[in-house]
Protein backbone atom coordinates (compact mmCIF):
# COMPACT_ATOMS: atom_id res chain seq x y z
CA MET A 1 10.16 -43.06 1.10
CA THR A 2 12.25 -42.05 4.25
CA ASP A 3 10.29 -39.97 6.75
CA ILE A 4 11.33 -36.46 7.43
CA ASN A 5 10.65 -35.45 11.10
CA PHE A 6 10.28 -31.85 11.90
CA LYS A 7 8.60 -29.86 14.72
CA LEU A 8 6.73 -26.62 14.24
CA HIS A 9 5.06 -24.20 16.53
CA PRO A 10 1.19 -23.51 16.42
CA LYS A 11 1.60 -20.33 14.37
CA GLN A 12 3.98 -21.87 12.05
CA LEU A 13 1.78 -24.74 11.52
CA GLU A 14 -1.27 -22.22 10.76
CA VAL A 15 0.82 -21.03 7.96
CA LEU A 16 1.67 -24.64 6.66
CA LYS A 17 -1.74 -25.87 6.79
CA ASN A 18 -3.46 -23.07 5.00
CA PRO A 19 -4.43 -24.10 1.29
CA ALA A 20 -3.80 -20.78 -0.27
CA ARG A 21 -1.69 -20.99 -3.30
CA PHE A 22 0.10 -17.67 -2.36
CA LYS A 23 1.01 -16.99 1.32
CA VAL A 24 2.50 -13.78 2.64
CA VAL A 25 3.85 -13.83 6.01
CA ALA A 26 4.79 -10.83 7.82
CA ALA A 27 6.48 -11.63 11.09
CA GLY A 28 8.95 -10.39 13.62
CA ARG A 29 12.54 -11.52 14.34
CA ARG A 30 12.95 -14.88 15.66
CA PHE A 31 9.47 -15.95 15.03
CA GLY A 32 10.81 -18.71 12.85
CA LYS A 33 10.22 -17.56 9.26
CA SER A 34 13.38 -19.28 8.12
CA TYR A 35 12.97 -22.60 9.32
CA LEU A 36 9.29 -22.71 8.39
CA ALA A 37 10.28 -21.65 4.61
CA ARG A 38 13.01 -24.41 4.45
CA ILE A 39 10.59 -27.00 5.66
CA ILE A 40 7.77 -25.95 3.34
CA MET A 41 10.62 -25.88 0.44
CA LEU A 42 11.50 -29.47 1.09
CA ILE A 43 7.99 -30.74 1.39
CA GLU A 44 6.99 -29.36 -1.97
CA ALA A 45 9.96 -30.63 -3.66
CA LEU A 46 9.19 -34.10 -2.26
CA LYS A 47 5.97 -34.04 -4.07
CA LEU A 48 5.93 -35.69 -7.66
CA GLU A 49 2.22 -34.21 -8.57
CA ASN A 50 0.59 -31.03 -6.94
CA GLU A 51 -2.91 -30.62 -6.03
CA SER A 52 -3.87 -29.43 -9.32
CA GLY A 53 -2.84 -32.60 -10.73
CA TYR A 54 0.21 -31.48 -12.56
CA ASP A 55 3.47 -33.72 -12.87
CA LEU A 56 6.34 -31.70 -11.43
CA LYS A 57 9.05 -33.83 -12.57
CA GLY A 58 11.61 -31.35 -13.90
CA GLU A 59 10.06 -28.44 -11.97
CA GLU A 60 12.44 -26.67 -9.40
CA VAL A 61 11.91 -25.35 -6.06
CA TRP A 62 13.67 -22.31 -4.97
CA ILE A 63 14.40 -19.99 -2.40
CA VAL A 64 15.02 -16.34 -3.49
CA THR A 65 16.86 -13.75 -1.02
CA PRO A 66 17.91 -10.20 -1.46
CA THR A 67 21.34 -11.66 -2.51
CA PHE A 68 22.67 -15.07 -3.22
CA GLN A 69 25.48 -14.88 -0.54
CA GLN A 70 22.56 -13.73 2.12
CA GLY A 71 20.70 -17.03 0.98
CA LYS A 72 23.62 -19.24 1.31
CA ASP A 73 24.67 -17.83 4.62
CA ILE A 74 21.04 -18.28 6.34
CA HIS A 75 19.92 -21.22 4.63
CA TRP A 76 22.35 -23.26 2.90
CA GLN A 77 23.65 -25.29 5.79
CA ALA A 78 20.42 -25.79 7.56
CA LEU A 79 18.76 -26.75 4.28
CA LYS A 80 21.49 -29.78 3.72
CA ASP A 81 20.75 -30.79 7.35
CA ILE A 82 17.09 -31.24 7.24
CA ALA A 83 17.18 -32.74 3.60
CA ARG A 84 19.99 -34.88 4.31
CA GLU A 85 18.17 -38.21 4.45
CA VAL A 86 16.45 -37.33 0.93
CA THR A 87 19.62 -36.02 -0.71
CA ALA A 88 21.14 -37.47 -3.76
CA ALA A 89 23.46 -34.91 -4.45
CA THR A 90 24.66 -31.23 -3.58
CA ILE A 91 26.60 -28.80 -5.82
CA GLU A 92 28.27 -26.17 -3.27
CA ASN A 93 29.03 -23.37 -5.26
CA THR A 94 25.64 -23.27 -6.64
CA ALA A 95 23.76 -24.19 -3.67
CA SER A 96 21.79 -26.69 -5.30
CA LEU A 97 20.42 -29.88 -3.77
CA THR A 98 19.25 -32.84 -6.02
CA LEU A 99 16.73 -35.22 -3.96
CA THR A 100 16.29 -38.57 -4.11
CA ASN A 101 13.21 -38.24 -6.29
CA GLY A 102 15.34 -36.01 -8.92
CA ARG A 103 13.81 -32.81 -8.04
CA LYS A 104 15.99 -29.85 -7.46
CA ILE A 105 15.95 -27.00 -4.58
CA GLN A 106 18.21 -24.16 -5.16
CA ILE A 107 19.01 -20.93 -3.49
CA LYS A 108 18.77 -17.78 -5.32
CA GLY A 109 19.63 -14.35 -5.09
CA SER A 110 17.54 -11.31 -6.48
CA ASP A 111 20.55 -9.42 -7.21
CA ARG A 112 21.36 -11.68 -10.19
CA PRO A 113 18.43 -11.53 -12.17
CA ASP A 114 19.88 -13.20 -15.08
CA THR A 115 20.12 -16.27 -13.14
CA LEU A 116 16.38 -16.31 -12.56
CA ARG A 117 15.32 -16.72 -15.80
CA GLY A 118 14.17 -19.82 -17.97
CA ALA A 119 13.78 -22.14 -15.16
CA GLY A 120 10.40 -23.88 -14.64
CA LEU A 121 9.22 -23.74 -11.09
CA SER A 122 6.36 -25.57 -8.99
CA TYR A 123 7.43 -23.46 -5.74
CA VAL A 124 9.48 -20.44 -4.63
CA VAL A 125 10.11 -18.60 -1.46
CA MET A 126 10.69 -15.27 -1.56
CA ASP A 127 12.49 -14.40 1.78
CA GLU A 128 12.68 -10.77 2.89
CA PHE A 129 10.77 -9.42 0.00
CA ALA A 130 10.48 -5.95 1.49
CA PHE A 131 14.23 -5.55 0.29
CA MET A 132 14.05 -6.93 -3.38
CA LYS A 133 12.79 -5.01 -6.19
CA PRO A 134 9.06 -6.12 -6.92
CA GLU A 135 9.72 -6.67 -10.54
CA VAL A 136 11.52 -9.52 -9.54
CA TRP A 137 8.61 -11.18 -8.86
CA GLU A 138 6.20 -9.72 -11.16
CA MET A 139 8.27 -10.19 -14.28
CA ILE A 140 10.74 -12.81 -13.82
CA ILE A 141 9.29 -15.53 -11.11
CA SER A 142 5.74 -15.32 -11.33
CA PRO A 143 5.57 -16.28 -14.96
CA THR A 144 7.77 -19.41 -14.24
CA LEU A 145 5.12 -20.90 -11.98
CA THR A 146 1.97 -20.64 -14.38
CA LYS A 147 2.89 -23.91 -16.14
CA VAL A 148 2.00 -26.13 -13.11
CA LYS A 149 -0.03 -23.62 -11.34
CA GLY A 150 2.99 -23.33 -8.87
CA GLY A 151 2.65 -21.72 -5.39
CA ALA A 152 4.85 -18.96 -3.59
CA LEU A 153 5.44 -17.97 0.24
CA PHE A 154 6.42 -14.69 0.60
CA ILE A 155 8.21 -13.83 4.07
CA GLY A 156 9.83 -11.14 5.86
CA THR A 157 9.83 -8.45 8.70
CA PRO A 158 8.19 -5.00 7.58
CA ASP A 159 10.31 -2.41 6.21
CA GLY A 160 7.94 0.56 6.09
CA LYS A 161 5.20 0.62 3.94
CA ASN A 162 6.67 -0.42 0.61
CA HIS A 163 5.52 -3.21 -2.03
CA PHE A 164 5.77 -5.82 0.98
CA PHE A 165 3.11 -3.90 2.77
CA ASP A 166 1.28 -3.64 -0.42
CA LEU A 167 1.12 -7.24 -1.23
CA TYR A 168 0.18 -8.10 2.41
CA SER A 169 -2.71 -5.67 2.29
CA GLU A 170 -3.95 -7.05 -0.93
CA ALA A 171 -3.57 -10.49 0.42
CA ALA A 172 -5.43 -9.52 3.88
CA ASP A 173 -8.20 -7.56 2.28
CA GLY A 174 -8.93 -9.85 -0.41
CA SER A 175 -8.41 -7.58 -3.20
CA ALA A 176 -5.34 -10.04 -4.68
CA GLY A 177 -8.07 -12.67 -5.04
CA PRO A 178 -8.99 -16.02 -3.33
CA ASP A 179 -5.53 -17.87 -4.21
CA TRP A 180 -3.82 -15.46 -1.78
CA ALA A 181 -3.66 -15.29 2.31
CA ALA A 182 -1.76 -13.04 4.47
CA PHE A 183 -0.51 -13.69 7.77
CA ASN A 184 0.87 -11.07 10.61
CA PHE A 185 2.84 -12.64 13.75
CA SER A 186 5.06 -10.99 16.62
CA SER A 187 8.12 -12.33 18.14
CA PHE A 188 5.77 -13.10 20.96
CA ASP A 189 4.16 -15.68 18.74
CA ASN A 190 6.86 -18.09 18.89
CA PRO A 191 6.67 -19.94 22.37
CA LEU A 192 10.08 -21.04 22.32
CA LEU A 193 11.65 -17.70 22.25
CA PRO A 194 12.04 -16.76 25.85
CA GLU A 195 10.24 -13.17 26.69
CA GLU A 196 13.08 -11.88 28.69
CA GLU A 197 15.27 -11.77 25.57
CA ILE A 198 12.45 -9.78 23.70
CA GLU A 199 12.31 -7.43 26.56
CA ALA A 200 15.77 -6.92 26.58
CA LYS A 201 15.80 -5.66 23.15
CA ARG A 202 12.90 -3.37 23.88
CA GLN A 203 15.00 -1.48 26.49
CA LYS A 204 17.46 -0.57 23.82
CA MET A 205 15.38 0.40 20.80
CA SER A 206 12.96 3.22 19.75
CA ILE A 207 9.18 2.28 19.96
CA GLU A 208 9.11 2.63 16.31
CA ALA A 209 11.88 0.20 15.75
CA PHE A 210 10.78 -2.19 17.95
CA ASN A 211 7.10 -2.42 16.74
CA GLN A 212 8.72 -2.95 13.26
CA GLU A 213 11.44 -5.59 14.15
CA PHE A 214 9.65 -7.55 16.81
CA LYS A 215 5.89 -6.48 16.42
CA ALA A 216 6.03 -7.07 12.70
CA SER A 217 3.95 -3.61 12.26
CA PHE A 218 4.33 -1.52 9.13
CA VAL A 219 5.86 1.49 10.93
CA SER A 220 6.21 4.31 8.38
CA GLY A 221 8.36 6.44 9.84
CA GLY A 222 6.20 9.75 10.37
CA ASN A 223 7.41 12.53 12.27
CA GLY A 224 4.67 13.19 14.69
CA PHE A 225 3.04 16.30 12.97
CA PHE A 226 -0.17 14.61 13.51
CA LYS A 227 -1.58 12.90 16.37
CA PRO A 228 -4.42 10.33 16.54
CA ASP A 229 -6.20 12.16 19.24
CA GLN A 230 -6.44 15.19 17.08
CA ILE A 231 -8.85 13.37 14.52
CA GLN A 232 -12.55 14.44 14.89
CA TYR A 233 -15.65 13.05 13.27
CA TYR A 234 -18.94 14.33 12.45
CA ASP A 235 -22.24 13.31 10.83
CA VAL A 236 -23.90 16.37 9.82
CA ALA A 237 -22.29 19.65 8.87
CA PRO A 238 -23.49 22.91 10.01
CA GLN A 239 -25.98 24.71 7.68
CA GLU A 240 -23.81 27.95 7.46
CA GLY A 241 -20.85 28.12 5.22
CA PHE A 242 -19.72 27.08 2.03
CA THR A 243 -18.42 24.18 0.30
CA PHE A 244 -15.29 24.29 -1.64
CA ILE A 245 -13.31 21.64 -3.51
CA ALA A 246 -9.89 21.73 -4.27
CA VAL A 247 -8.08 19.55 -6.77
CA ASP A 248 -4.40 17.99 -6.63
CA PRO A 249 -3.84 16.64 -10.17
CA ALA A 250 -1.56 13.69 -10.86
CA GLY A 251 -0.11 12.63 -14.11
CA PHE A 252 -2.85 11.13 -16.60
CA VAL A 253 -1.37 7.41 -17.00
CA GLU A 254 -3.24 4.64 -17.99
CA THR A 255 -2.39 2.14 -15.82
CA GLU A 256 -4.01 -0.98 -17.11
CA ALA A 257 -1.00 -2.03 -19.10
CA MET A 258 1.46 -1.33 -16.50
CA LEU A 259 2.49 -3.60 -13.54
CA LYS A 260 1.04 -3.22 -10.34
CA SER A 261 3.91 -2.24 -8.15
CA GLN A 262 4.78 0.63 -11.15
CA ALA A 263 1.15 1.77 -10.59
CA LYS A 264 1.00 2.06 -6.93
CA ARG A 265 4.14 4.11 -7.13
CA LEU A 266 2.43 6.88 -8.90
CA ASP A 267 0.74 9.62 -7.35
CA GLU A 268 -3.00 9.70 -7.08
CA CYS A 269 -5.24 12.59 -8.13
CA ALA A 270 -6.90 13.99 -5.13
CA ILE A 271 -10.24 15.83 -5.12
CA ALA A 272 -10.89 17.32 -1.32
CA VAL A 273 -14.76 18.51 -0.69
CA VAL A 274 -14.75 20.64 2.39
CA ARG A 275 -17.78 22.44 4.22
CA VAL A 276 -15.89 25.64 5.40
CA CYS A 277 -18.00 26.99 8.44
CA PRO A 278 -17.33 29.47 11.06
CA GLN A 279 -16.46 26.56 13.54
CA GLY A 280 -14.00 25.13 11.42
CA TRP A 281 -13.54 22.52 7.94
CA TYR A 282 -15.92 19.90 7.78
CA VAL A 283 -14.43 17.38 5.23
CA GLU A 284 -17.03 15.75 3.53
CA ASP A 285 -15.20 13.44 1.14
CA ILE A 286 -11.64 13.08 -0.59
CA ILE A 287 -11.94 11.16 -3.74
CA SER A 288 -8.75 9.80 -5.07
CA GLY A 289 -7.53 7.81 -7.95
CA ARG A 290 -5.24 7.13 -10.92
CA TRP A 291 -7.40 8.09 -13.81
CA GLY A 292 -6.97 8.95 -17.33
CA ILE A 293 -7.50 12.82 -18.25
CA ARG A 294 -11.23 12.32 -19.38
CA GLU A 295 -12.09 10.54 -16.03
CA THR A 296 -10.43 13.11 -14.17
CA SER A 297 -12.59 15.70 -15.53
CA LEU A 298 -15.61 13.83 -15.07
CA GLN A 299 -14.70 12.86 -11.23
CA ILE A 300 -14.23 16.71 -10.53
CA LEU A 301 -17.54 17.68 -12.34
CA ARG A 302 -19.50 15.14 -10.76
CA ALA A 303 -18.38 16.13 -7.19
CA ALA A 304 -18.86 19.75 -8.25
CA GLN A 305 -22.63 18.83 -9.08
CA LYS A 306 -23.28 16.51 -6.18
CA TYR A 307 -21.77 18.90 -3.30
CA HIS A 308 -22.87 22.27 -4.99
CA ALA A 309 -19.54 23.60 -4.51
CA ALA A 310 -19.43 27.58 -4.29
CA ALA A 311 -15.71 27.38 -6.24
CA VAL A 312 -13.54 24.51 -7.75
CA GLY A 313 -9.80 25.23 -7.37
CA ILE A 314 -7.08 23.30 -9.15
CA GLU A 315 -3.46 23.25 -9.18
CA LYS A 316 -1.97 25.79 -11.39
CA GLY A 317 0.41 24.20 -14.17
CA SER A 318 0.70 21.83 -17.20
CA LEU A 319 -1.81 19.34 -15.52
CA LYS A 320 -4.42 22.01 -14.81
CA ASN A 321 -3.98 23.20 -18.50
CA ALA A 322 -4.39 19.86 -19.92
CA ILE A 323 -7.66 19.16 -17.71
CA MET A 324 -9.45 22.47 -18.72
CA PRO A 325 -10.40 21.56 -22.24
CA TYR A 326 -11.85 18.15 -21.36
CA LEU A 327 -13.71 19.80 -18.25
CA GLU A 328 -15.19 22.53 -20.46
CA ASP A 329 -16.55 19.72 -22.70
CA GLN A 330 -17.89 18.15 -19.68
CA MET A 331 -19.29 21.29 -18.52
CA ARG A 332 -21.35 21.95 -21.91
CA ARG A 333 -22.55 18.14 -21.74
CA LEU A 334 -23.88 18.23 -18.35
CA SER A 335 -24.88 21.90 -18.12
CA VAL A 336 -23.17 22.37 -14.94
CA TYR A 337 -20.85 25.27 -14.68
CA PRO A 338 -18.98 25.73 -11.37
CA ARG A 339 -16.57 28.51 -10.60
CA ILE A 340 -13.12 27.29 -11.39
CA GLU A 341 -10.05 28.85 -9.57
CA GLU A 342 -6.37 28.59 -9.85
CA LEU A 343 -4.63 27.32 -7.11
CA THR A 344 -0.68 28.12 -6.69
CA HIS A 345 1.87 26.72 -4.28
CA GLY A 346 3.11 30.15 -2.98
CA GLY A 347 6.50 29.21 -3.34
CA LYS A 348 6.13 26.53 -0.56
CA LYS A 349 7.43 23.16 -0.67
CA LYS A 350 4.69 20.51 -0.18
CA GLN A 351 5.50 19.42 3.03
CA GLU A 352 5.61 22.89 4.33
CA ARG A 353 2.11 23.83 2.55
CA ILE A 354 0.54 20.69 4.46
CA VAL A 355 1.81 21.74 7.69
CA TRP A 356 0.86 25.22 7.34
CA ALA A 357 -2.68 24.71 6.30
CA LEU A 358 -3.50 21.50 8.51
CA GLN A 359 -1.15 21.24 11.59
CA GLY A 360 -2.61 24.22 13.56
CA ARG A 361 -6.24 23.35 12.52
CA PHE A 362 -6.02 19.86 13.79
CA GLN A 363 -4.14 21.02 17.08
CA HIS A 364 -7.05 23.46 17.57
CA GLY A 365 -9.94 20.90 16.91
CA ARG A 366 -10.96 22.78 13.54
CA ILE A 367 -11.14 19.92 11.30
CA PHE A 368 -13.78 17.22 11.32
CA LEU A 369 -14.04 14.21 9.21
CA LYS A 370 -17.14 12.45 7.72
CA LYS A 371 -16.72 8.75 7.98
CA GLY A 372 -16.58 7.06 4.43
CA GLU A 373 -14.51 4.94 2.22
CA TRP A 374 -11.75 7.49 2.07
CA THR A 375 -11.18 8.08 5.82
CA ARG A 376 -8.83 5.16 6.27
CA LYS A 377 -6.70 6.05 3.41
CA PHE A 378 -6.24 9.64 4.74
CA ILE A 379 -5.63 8.97 8.16
CA ASP A 380 -3.04 6.40 7.19
CA GLN A 381 -1.33 9.19 5.20
CA LEU A 382 -2.00 11.90 7.88
CA MET A 383 0.04 9.47 10.41
CA ASP A 384 2.58 8.43 7.86
CA PHE A 385 3.51 12.07 6.87
CA PRO A 386 6.19 12.88 5.96
CA ASN A 387 7.46 9.71 5.06
CA PRO A 388 8.84 9.86 1.50
CA LEU A 389 7.95 6.42 1.05
CA VAL A 390 3.96 6.89 1.42
CA HIS A 391 1.77 8.83 -0.50
CA ASP A 392 0.47 12.25 0.89
CA ASP A 393 -2.01 13.35 -2.24
CA LEU A 394 -5.17 13.51 0.18
CA LEU A 395 -3.41 15.91 2.65
CA ASP A 396 -2.18 18.04 -0.38
CA ALA A 397 -5.39 18.32 -1.69
CA LEU A 398 -7.06 19.07 1.54
CA SER A 399 -4.34 21.91 2.47
CA TYR A 400 -5.42 23.83 -0.88
CA ILE A 401 -8.61 24.38 0.92
CA ASP A 402 -6.61 27.13 2.91
CA GLN A 403 -6.22 28.91 -0.13
CA ILE A 404 -9.47 28.60 -2.40
CA SER A 405 -11.63 29.36 1.19
CA ALA A 406 -9.42 32.47 1.73
CA THR A 407 -11.75 34.99 0.15
CA VAL A 408 -13.94 36.69 3.08
CA TYR A 409 -17.40 35.19 3.31
CA ASP A 410 -20.33 36.67 5.27
CA PHE A 411 -21.82 33.28 7.12
CA ASN A 412 -24.56 35.55 8.36
CA TYR A 413 -25.47 36.97 4.94
CA GLN A 414 -29.67 37.36 4.43
CA GLU A 415 -31.63 38.21 1.56
CA ASP A 416 -33.10 41.80 1.71
CA ASP A 417 -36.81 42.57 0.52
CA TRP A 418 -35.32 44.16 -2.78
CA GLU A 419 -37.58 43.77 -5.71
CA PRO A 420 -37.34 45.10 -9.29
CA LEU A 421 -39.44 47.90 -10.28
CA ASP A 422 -39.69 46.85 -13.86
CA LYS A 423 -39.64 42.86 -13.76
CA ILE A 424 -38.26 42.76 -17.39
CA SER A 425 -35.58 44.99 -17.55
CA GLY A 426 -34.79 44.36 -13.89
CA PHE A 427 -34.62 48.31 -12.92
């Protein structure tokens, strides 16, 4: 077979050599994502058998872009050039190459989903995945790879914390499984790109835009209500004070049968546990998740029991009404009876409520966090606020502590020496 000569810089080679079946690459502009994608596509199309031992004859290789025209403009001519020595035929109007081994490479657009159905694929590149509907991968493309255990490459520059961020995060932290790998490269990782060109762009762009476009940072677009230097931690809360729990319920949807991307877009139920003291709020925990109604009621009661809550506040509305019968059943079953208070939004929108309750306290150093599994998620939401693309459920639950702890308590209260004259009647 004719040799194909190509040259990749070290970071591109790192992606190429990684054995993962699915690779997610978040990279800055001019890193060389498109060139890398074309090389990988050609290598995959030249195979007659993959690493799992499946015969690949009749299976196609695709590159899917947000629109067909975009894919054709970016990739078609360059793809024909690098595959020239091994190309048997081309079809211009469908941007299709047939190689000398009989296998096909095609460019497709995610805006034309009907053209994506029915084919058998051995490999696919999802180019600028952040700008596609996630269902294109989950419902259409992914099933076509199962027959021969095909692979996929996801490439793109971040566009906030959307489904591309979710996919990258799951691949990076291992929750997507051992078949996945994640890579994050800035434009500076391309040694062939002059640094002065990048610096010229830096001078003309906002810090957030530059970090996203050239440093491949998943910028969320927060408006600076909260600052990283306002975050304080503690190990042990003061003894004086009372522990309160505030619940921001979400819709009770069983997510097992849902697409992962659909489930992630749902709000989470959040249960904030806070020790309210004269020195400020000591946030013990914020428990969150997407649960069914029974599990939600159990999570609330477990928190009340564990932290000996003085009161549990639940946001008023249909969701509270739905929770209460289950919560009362759990109380009787466990013999735990916390005081339940009804919380209201007081006519304020969520953003106003969060700012009113939290911004001043953070600025004056009167909120302290106890490090735990919840902390990173909370800080991400805090720094992202009020980006509409990012959840703020943990912030909303914490803001309700302002309402449930509004009752004046005497933190210096001490028991007196009162004793009943009659221990039976209490008189």
